[in-house]
Amino acid sequence: MDSDFTELLKSAKNKIFQSKDSKIKIISHIDADGISSASILSLALDRLKINHDVHFTSLDGMSSSQLGDLTIFLDMGSGQIDYLMSEHGDKDIIIVDHHQGEYPKAPFLEVNPNKFGYSGSEEVSGSGLSYLLSLELDSKNKDLSSIAIVGAVGDMQGSWGGLKGLNRDILLDSIETGLVKAQEDLLLYGRSTRPIYKSLQYFSDPPIPGVTGSDSNAMALLNSLGIPCYEGDWRTVSDMTSDEKKKLATEIIRKTIMAVPQEYISFIPQMIMGESYSLQNEEERSPLRDASEFATCLNACGKNGRPEVGFYVCKG
């Protein structure tokens, strides 16, 4: 990791420790990445017995009374520095954000990977940055890496060829701790929770000609390939053998490339097969088992105005 970037994380850690007896407030975004970010840093502070409050809100119209003695913005802030300077320039603020920002000279400590040659859209998410900061606070926080993987997947950073850059390093931490299993798999939503035919029926990116939208045609496709839909219970993608997955992937690709323009054909295989991430501490048929499904649950919490529900689920 870039030495200057590491020093910045250390500066953020030092500022937190200097403020440990003051009022610390975490303010985060309400999507999967923001909720994951907040839960990671909150857990890290809990372990250090550092009191803090967590809020999920937007920056617009925020009054100074809503800030703490130290305020940490997660997954937001870099694009609103001018606003923060004009409204809260006298406040003690840390910004931990992966979005492209304005980057004017500001009195705030800003942890942003884009300033150090890392892509904030592909190589590290907000939750990844929160995780890296948690490691600076205590190297024992590697067990928080699995939440960072959920946040990265929720931010669509593993969509093309799997996680890379700093995300890859975080993934290796989660694999090393036994919390996440990464494997090449069918990229059908509901790998652990939906019957295979339902995952096929609702698969729409790209749509499978004659299959997407039809449960009967999805079942017929599986039957034609000799893949059982039911064995004492409805089988999910996670129940399929490696050979069954390869057989189904080949057929999906064959059907799909016949219906897309020539220039898109090369993209189809990686939209059907790719790297998936399973959280090993979650029950096998739980919607929290698959990182993509977990992220969808967190996004749903945010969209329904209840980000705190997802936050407490992440914290366990």
Protein backbone atom coordinates (compact mmCIF):
# COMPACT_ATOMS: atom_id res chain seq x y z
CA MET A 1 0.00 0.00 0.00
CA ASP A 2 1.25 3.50 -0.83
CA SER A 3 3.30 4.86 2.10
CA ASP A 4 1.68 8.31 1.99
CA PHE A 5 -1.75 6.72 2.01
CA THR A 6 -0.73 4.58 4.99
CA GLU A 7 0.48 7.70 6.80
CA LEU A 8 -2.89 9.34 6.18
CA LEU A 9 -4.68 6.38 7.75
CA LYS A 10 -2.34 6.66 10.73
CA SER A 11 -3.17 10.35 11.03
CA ALA A 12 -6.86 9.48 11.09
CA LYS A 13 -6.21 6.87 13.77
CA ASN A 14 -4.25 9.39 15.88
CA LYS A 15 -7.01 11.98 15.58
CA ILE A 16 -9.55 9.41 16.78
CA PHE A 17 -7.41 8.45 19.77
CA GLN A 18 -6.87 12.12 20.61
CA SER A 19 -10.65 12.58 20.65
CA LYS A 20 -11.53 9.37 22.50
CA ASP A 21 -12.80 11.27 25.54
CA SER A 22 -14.78 13.74 23.42
CA LYS A 23 -18.03 13.46 21.50
CA ILE A 24 -17.35 11.42 18.36
CA LYS A 25 -20.02 11.21 15.69
CA ILE A 26 -20.00 8.94 12.63
CA ILE A 27 -22.15 10.10 9.72
CA SER A 28 -22.55 7.71 6.81
CA HIS A 29 -24.35 7.12 3.53
CA ILE A 30 -27.52 4.98 3.52
CA ASP A 31 -26.58 2.43 0.82
CA ALA A 32 -24.96 -0.99 1.33
CA ASP A 33 -21.45 0.43 1.22
CA GLY A 34 -22.25 3.25 3.63
CA ILE A 35 -24.03 0.96 6.08
CA SER A 36 -21.13 -1.52 5.93
CA SER A 37 -18.64 1.33 6.43
CA ALA A 38 -20.40 2.58 9.55
CA SER A 39 -20.74 -0.88 11.08
CA ILE A 40 -17.03 -1.65 10.58
CA LEU A 41 -15.78 1.55 12.21
CA SER A 42 -18.40 1.35 14.96
CA LEU A 43 -17.35 -2.20 15.83
CA ALA A 44 -13.70 -1.12 15.89
CA LEU A 45 -14.49 1.75 18.26
CA ASP A 46 -16.68 -0.50 20.43
CA ARG A 47 -13.73 -2.84 20.91
CA LEU A 48 -11.59 0.08 22.05
CA LYS A 49 -14.39 1.22 24.37
CA ILE A 50 -14.51 4.57 22.58
CA ASN A 51 -17.99 6.08 22.85
CA HIS A 52 -19.54 7.35 19.63
CA ASP A 53 -22.85 7.99 17.90
CA VAL A 54 -23.79 6.84 14.40
CA HIS A 55 -26.17 8.65 12.08
CA PHE A 56 -27.26 8.01 8.50
CA THR A 57 -28.15 11.21 6.70
CA SER A 58 -27.23 13.53 3.85
CA LEU A 59 -24.95 16.53 4.23
CA ASP A 60 -27.44 19.02 2.85
CA GLY A 61 -28.81 21.34 5.49
CA MET A 62 -26.84 19.75 8.33
CA SER A 63 -26.41 22.18 11.21
CA SER A 64 -23.27 22.46 13.31
CA SER A 65 -25.23 21.21 16.32
CA GLN A 66 -25.59 17.86 14.54
CA LEU A 67 -21.82 17.39 14.43
CA GLY A 68 -19.62 16.02 17.18
CA ASP A 69 -16.39 17.32 18.68
CA LEU A 70 -14.93 15.01 16.05
CA THR A 71 -17.13 14.06 13.11
CA ILE A 72 -16.20 11.21 10.77
CA PHE A 73 -17.95 11.19 7.41
CA LEU A 74 -17.97 7.75 5.78
CA ASP A 75 -18.69 7.04 2.10
CA MET A 76 -19.44 10.74 1.60
CA GLY A 77 -17.83 14.14 1.91
CA SER A 78 -15.20 14.34 -0.82
CA GLY A 79 -17.68 15.78 -3.27
CA GLN A 80 -19.01 18.27 -0.73
CA ILE A 81 -15.81 19.81 0.63
CA ASP A 82 -16.70 23.33 -0.51
CA TYR A 83 -20.01 23.01 1.34
CA LEU A 84 -18.33 21.62 4.45
CA MET A 85 -15.76 24.42 4.40
CA SER A 86 -18.41 27.11 4.09
CA GLU A 87 -20.75 25.66 6.72
CA HIS A 88 -18.47 23.73 9.08
CA GLY A 89 -14.94 24.93 8.36
CA ASP A 90 -14.20 25.40 12.06
CA LYS A 91 -15.14 21.82 12.96
CA ASP A 92 -12.84 18.85 13.54
CA ILE A 93 -13.70 16.53 10.64
CA ILE A 94 -12.35 13.34 9.08
CA ILE A 95 -13.60 12.39 5.63
CA VAL A 96 -13.26 8.73 4.61
CA ASP A 97 -14.60 8.53 1.07
CA HIS A 98 -13.83 6.66 -2.15
CA HIS A 99 -15.73 8.94 -4.53
CA GLN A 100 -13.97 11.40 -6.81
CA GLY A 101 -13.88 14.72 -5.02
CA GLU A 102 -13.17 18.40 -5.39
CA TYR A 103 -9.81 18.22 -3.59
CA PRO A 104 -9.40 21.90 -2.68
CA LYS A 105 -7.15 22.72 0.23
CA ALA A 106 -9.28 22.18 3.27
CA PRO A 107 -8.78 22.12 7.04
CA PHE A 108 -10.12 18.55 7.18
CA LEU A 109 -8.30 15.24 7.21
CA GLU A 110 -9.46 13.52 4.02
CA VAL A 111 -8.78 9.82 3.40
CA ASN A 112 -9.47 9.38 -0.31
CA PRO A 113 -7.74 6.68 -2.40
CA ASN A 114 -8.11 8.57 -5.67
CA LYS A 115 -5.48 11.06 -4.49
CA PHE A 116 -2.94 8.25 -4.20
CA GLY A 117 -3.38 6.43 -7.49
CA TYR A 118 -6.08 3.97 -6.40
CA SER A 119 -9.39 3.82 -8.23
CA GLY A 120 -12.23 4.50 -5.84
CA SER A 121 -14.70 3.07 -8.33
CA GLU A 122 -12.91 -0.26 -8.90
CA GLU A 123 -10.18 -0.92 -6.33
CA VAL A 124 -11.63 0.06 -2.97
CA SER A 125 -15.04 1.02 -1.60
CA GLY A 126 -16.03 3.13 1.37
CA SER A 127 -16.33 0.03 3.53
CA GLY A 128 -12.87 -1.04 2.39
CA LEU A 129 -11.46 2.28 3.58
CA SER A 130 -13.32 1.91 6.86
CA TYR A 131 -11.78 -1.55 7.22
CA LEU A 132 -8.26 -0.25 6.52
CA LEU A 133 -8.80 2.42 9.17
CA SER A 134 -10.04 -0.24 11.60
CA LEU A 135 -6.79 -2.16 11.06
CA GLU A 136 -4.83 0.96 11.95
CA LEU A 137 -6.87 1.22 15.13
CA ASP A 138 -6.12 -2.42 15.98
CA SER A 139 -4.48 -5.08 13.80
CA LYS A 140 -6.80 -7.67 15.39
CA ASN A 141 -9.73 -6.28 13.38
CA LYS A 142 -9.15 -8.58 10.40
CA ASP A 143 -12.42 -10.32 11.23
CA LEU A 144 -14.22 -7.18 10.00
CA SER A 145 -12.98 -7.84 6.47
CA SER A 146 -16.07 -9.86 5.51
CA ILE A 147 -18.31 -6.81 6.03
CA ALA A 148 -16.02 -4.81 3.76
CA ILE A 149 -16.48 -7.45 1.05
CA VAL A 150 -20.26 -7.05 1.33
CA GLY A 151 -19.88 -3.29 0.94
CA ALA A 152 -17.58 -3.61 -2.08
CA VAL A 153 -19.94 -6.05 -3.79
CA GLY A 154 -22.86 -3.77 -2.99
CA ASP A 155 -20.95 -0.96 -4.69
CA MET A 156 -20.66 -3.17 -7.81
CA GLN A 157 -16.87 -3.32 -7.51
CA GLY A 158 -16.64 -7.05 -8.15
CA SER A 159 -18.84 -7.09 -11.23
CA TRP A 160 -16.18 -7.57 -13.89
CA GLY A 161 -13.63 -10.26 -13.14
CA GLY A 162 -13.87 -10.18 -9.36
CA LEU A 163 -12.45 -7.86 -6.72
CA LYS A 164 -9.09 -6.25 -7.41
CA GLY A 165 -6.63 -3.73 -6.00
CA LEU A 166 -7.05 -2.97 -2.31
CA ASN A 167 -10.35 -4.89 -2.43
CA ARG A 168 -8.32 -7.98 -3.35
CA ASP A 169 -6.05 -7.50 -0.35
CA ILE A 170 -9.10 -7.21 1.90
CA LEU A 171 -10.58 -10.34 0.32
CA LEU A 172 -7.37 -12.23 1.10
CA ASP A 173 -7.71 -11.15 4.74
CA SER A 174 -11.27 -12.49 4.82
CA ILE A 175 -10.20 -15.78 3.24
CA GLU A 176 -7.25 -16.09 5.63
CA THR A 177 -9.56 -15.67 8.62
CA GLY A 178 -11.95 -18.28 7.21
CA LEU A 179 -14.83 -15.82 6.99
CA VAL A 180 -15.28 -15.70 3.22
CA LYS A 181 -15.04 -18.31 0.50
CA ALA A 182 -14.36 -17.01 -3.00
CA GLN A 183 -15.08 -19.27 -5.95
CA GLU A 184 -15.89 -19.24 -9.64
CA ASP A 185 -19.64 -19.66 -9.88
CA LEU A 186 -22.79 -18.95 -11.82
CA LEU A 187 -23.72 -15.31 -11.31
CA LEU A 188 -27.39 -16.05 -10.73
CA TYR A 189 -28.99 -14.04 -7.95
CA GLY A 190 -30.27 -16.11 -5.04
CA ARG A 191 -27.49 -18.70 -5.15
CA SER A 192 -28.26 -19.74 -1.59
CA THR A 193 -31.95 -18.91 -1.27
CA ARG A 194 -33.87 -19.36 -4.53
CA PRO A 195 -34.73 -22.57 -6.38
CA ILE A 196 -32.47 -22.85 -9.44
CA TYR A 197 -35.38 -22.38 -11.83
CA LYS A 198 -36.42 -19.18 -10.03
CA SER A 199 -32.89 -17.80 -10.30
CA LEU A 200 -33.05 -18.51 -14.03
CA GLN A 201 -36.54 -17.06 -14.39
CA TYR A 202 -35.50 -13.74 -12.85
CA PHE A 203 -32.07 -13.51 -14.49
CA SER A 204 -32.23 -10.45 -16.72
CA ASP A 205 -28.73 -9.05 -17.14
CA PRO A 206 -28.51 -10.23 -19.84
CA PRO A 207 -31.95 -11.81 -20.41
CA ILE A 208 -31.92 -15.45 -21.49
CA PRO A 209 -34.08 -15.79 -24.63
CA GLY A 210 -37.11 -17.98 -23.97
CA VAL A 211 -36.18 -18.47 -20.31
CA THR A 212 -36.13 -15.13 -18.50
CA GLY A 213 -39.61 -14.38 -17.19
CA SER A 214 -40.93 -17.94 -17.50
CA ASP A 215 -40.73 -20.43 -14.65
CA SER A 216 -41.96 -23.30 -16.83
CA ASN A 217 -39.34 -22.62 -19.52
CA ALA A 218 -36.64 -22.32 -16.86
CA MET A 219 -37.62 -25.74 -15.49
CA ALA A 220 -37.74 -27.17 -19.01
CA LEU A 221 -34.19 -25.93 -19.67
CA LEU A 222 -32.90 -27.60 -16.52
CA ASN A 223 -34.71 -30.84 -17.37
CA SER A 224 -33.23 -30.83 -20.88
CA LEU A 225 -29.76 -30.61 -19.36
CA GLY A 226 -30.45 -33.39 -16.85
CA ILE A 227 -30.19 -31.03 -13.88
CA PRO A 228 -32.70 -31.95 -11.13
CA CYS A 229 -34.77 -29.06 -9.76
CA TYR A 230 -35.97 -30.95 -6.70
CA GLU A 231 -34.32 -33.53 -4.43
CA GLY A 232 -36.35 -33.62 -1.23
CA ASP A 233 -36.35 -29.83 -1.41
CA TRP A 234 -35.96 -27.25 -4.14
CA ARG A 235 -32.31 -27.16 -5.13
CA THR A 236 -30.46 -23.84 -5.20
CA VAL A 237 -27.44 -22.89 -7.29
CA SER A 238 -25.27 -23.57 -4.25
CA ASP A 239 -26.53 -27.19 -4.30
CA MET A 240 -25.39 -27.77 -7.88
CA THR A 241 -22.31 -29.78 -8.74
CA SER A 242 -19.43 -28.20 -10.62
CA ASP A 243 -20.32 -30.16 -13.76
CA GLU A 244 -23.95 -29.03 -13.55
CA LYS A 245 -22.89 -25.41 -13.25
CA LYS A 246 -20.57 -25.66 -16.24
CA LYS A 247 -23.26 -27.34 -18.30
CA LEU A 248 -25.85 -24.70 -17.40
CA ALA A 249 -23.42 -21.82 -17.94
CA THR A 250 -22.52 -23.13 -21.40
CA GLU A 251 -26.19 -23.31 -22.39
CA ILE A 252 -27.01 -19.85 -21.01
CA ILE A 253 -24.07 -18.36 -22.90
CA ARG A 254 -25.07 -20.17 -26.10
CA LYS A 255 -28.64 -18.89 -25.90
CA THR A 256 -27.68 -15.36 -24.92
CA ILE A 257 -25.01 -14.64 -27.53
CA MET A 258 -27.52 -15.47 -30.25
CA ALA A 259 -29.68 -12.55 -29.14
CA VAL A 260 -27.16 -9.74 -28.54
CA PRO A 261 -25.35 -7.46 -31.01
CA GLN A 262 -21.96 -8.70 -32.20
CA GLU A 263 -20.05 -6.06 -30.23
CA TYR A 264 -21.44 -7.34 -26.92
CA ILE A 265 -20.76 -11.04 -27.42
CA SER A 266 -17.31 -10.96 -25.79
CA PHE A 267 -18.83 -9.61 -22.55
CA ILE A 268 -21.45 -12.34 -22.13
CA PRO A 269 -19.33 -15.12 -20.53
CA GLN A 270 -18.17 -12.90 -17.65
CA MET A 271 -21.76 -11.83 -17.03
CA ILE A 272 -22.76 -15.48 -16.59
CA MET A 273 -19.77 -16.90 -14.71
CA GLY A 274 -17.61 -15.02 -12.25
CA GLU A 275 -16.26 -14.85 -8.74
CA SER A 276 -18.78 -15.19 -5.92
CA TYR A 277 -18.28 -14.60 -2.20
CA SER A 278 -19.91 -16.67 0.53
CA LEU A 279 -19.85 -15.63 4.18
CA GLN A 280 -18.96 -18.80 6.01
CA ASN A 281 -20.37 -17.75 9.39
CA GLU A 282 -23.87 -17.32 7.97
CA GLU A 283 -26.34 -20.20 7.62
CA GLU A 284 -26.35 -21.91 4.23
CA ARG A 285 -29.79 -20.82 3.06
CA SER A 286 -29.70 -17.42 4.72
CA PRO A 287 -29.95 -14.28 2.54
CA LEU A 288 -26.83 -13.14 4.38
CA ARG A 289 -24.76 -16.09 3.14
CA ASP A 290 -24.02 -14.64 -0.30
CA ALA A 291 -22.30 -11.24 -0.32
CA SER A 292 -24.48 -10.01 -3.19
CA GLU A 293 -27.71 -10.95 -1.42
CA PHE A 294 -26.44 -9.49 1.86
CA ALA A 295 -25.71 -6.22 0.05
CA THR A 296 -29.20 -6.24 -1.47
CA CYS A 297 -30.67 -6.56 2.04
CA LEU A 298 -28.62 -3.58 3.21
CA ASN A 299 -29.68 -1.49 0.22
CA ALA A 300 -33.30 -2.39 0.95
CA CYS A 301 -32.89 -1.14 4.52
CA GLY A 302 -31.57 2.18 3.23
CA LYS A 303 -34.23 2.60 0.55
CA ASN A 304 -36.96 1.93 3.11
CA GLY A 305 -35.60 4.55 5.47
CA ARG A 306 -34.25 2.02 8.00
CA PRO A 307 -30.46 1.95 7.49
CA GLU A 308 -30.00 1.33 11.21
CA VAL A 309 -31.56 -2.14 10.79
CA GLY A 310 -28.86 -3.13 8.32
CA PHE A 311 -26.26 -1.50 10.55
CA TYR A 312 -27.17 -3.67 13.54
CA VAL A 313 -27.36 -6.79 11.36
CA CYS A 314 -23.79 -6.13 10.24
CA LYS A 315 -22.69 -5.58 13.82
CA GLY A 316 -24.27 -8.89 14.83
